[in-house]
Amino acid sequence: MADSETRLATPFRVVKNAEEVARTIKEEEVEKIIVGKPLTMAGEEGGMIKKVEKFILELKKVTDKPIEIIDERLSSRAADDLMRERSSGQERDAIAAMLILQSYLDQEKNE
């Protein structure tokens, strides 16, 4: 999640499907959805791209909010570095999502 005034992303919670995202959008009055695009270090689409594309299609069925897609390379590694220890699971995913969103906010601010 990010606050539109401070433009700072914070970890929120990990959701399992588009319906949970839709519920969160309504509960938290979300204005826009940012989705990480899994690219390889060479800038090519990674192995998870099909799952992400399917997820985006599912999101479009449950919300009319704008969806932005952003490169997520190194977000999990950066999350590990931020946590200062190797981690897995939902906490790491929440931190990685926060970093993806913050990257988007920083790019938007600089445009």
Foldseek 3Di string as FASTA:
>chain_A
DADPVVLAFDQDWDDDALVVVLVCCVVVVDQEAEAEFEADPVRHGDPCRVVSVVRVVRNVVRDPHYYHYDHLPCLLVVLCVVVVHDDDDTSSVSSSVSVRSSVVSVVVVVD
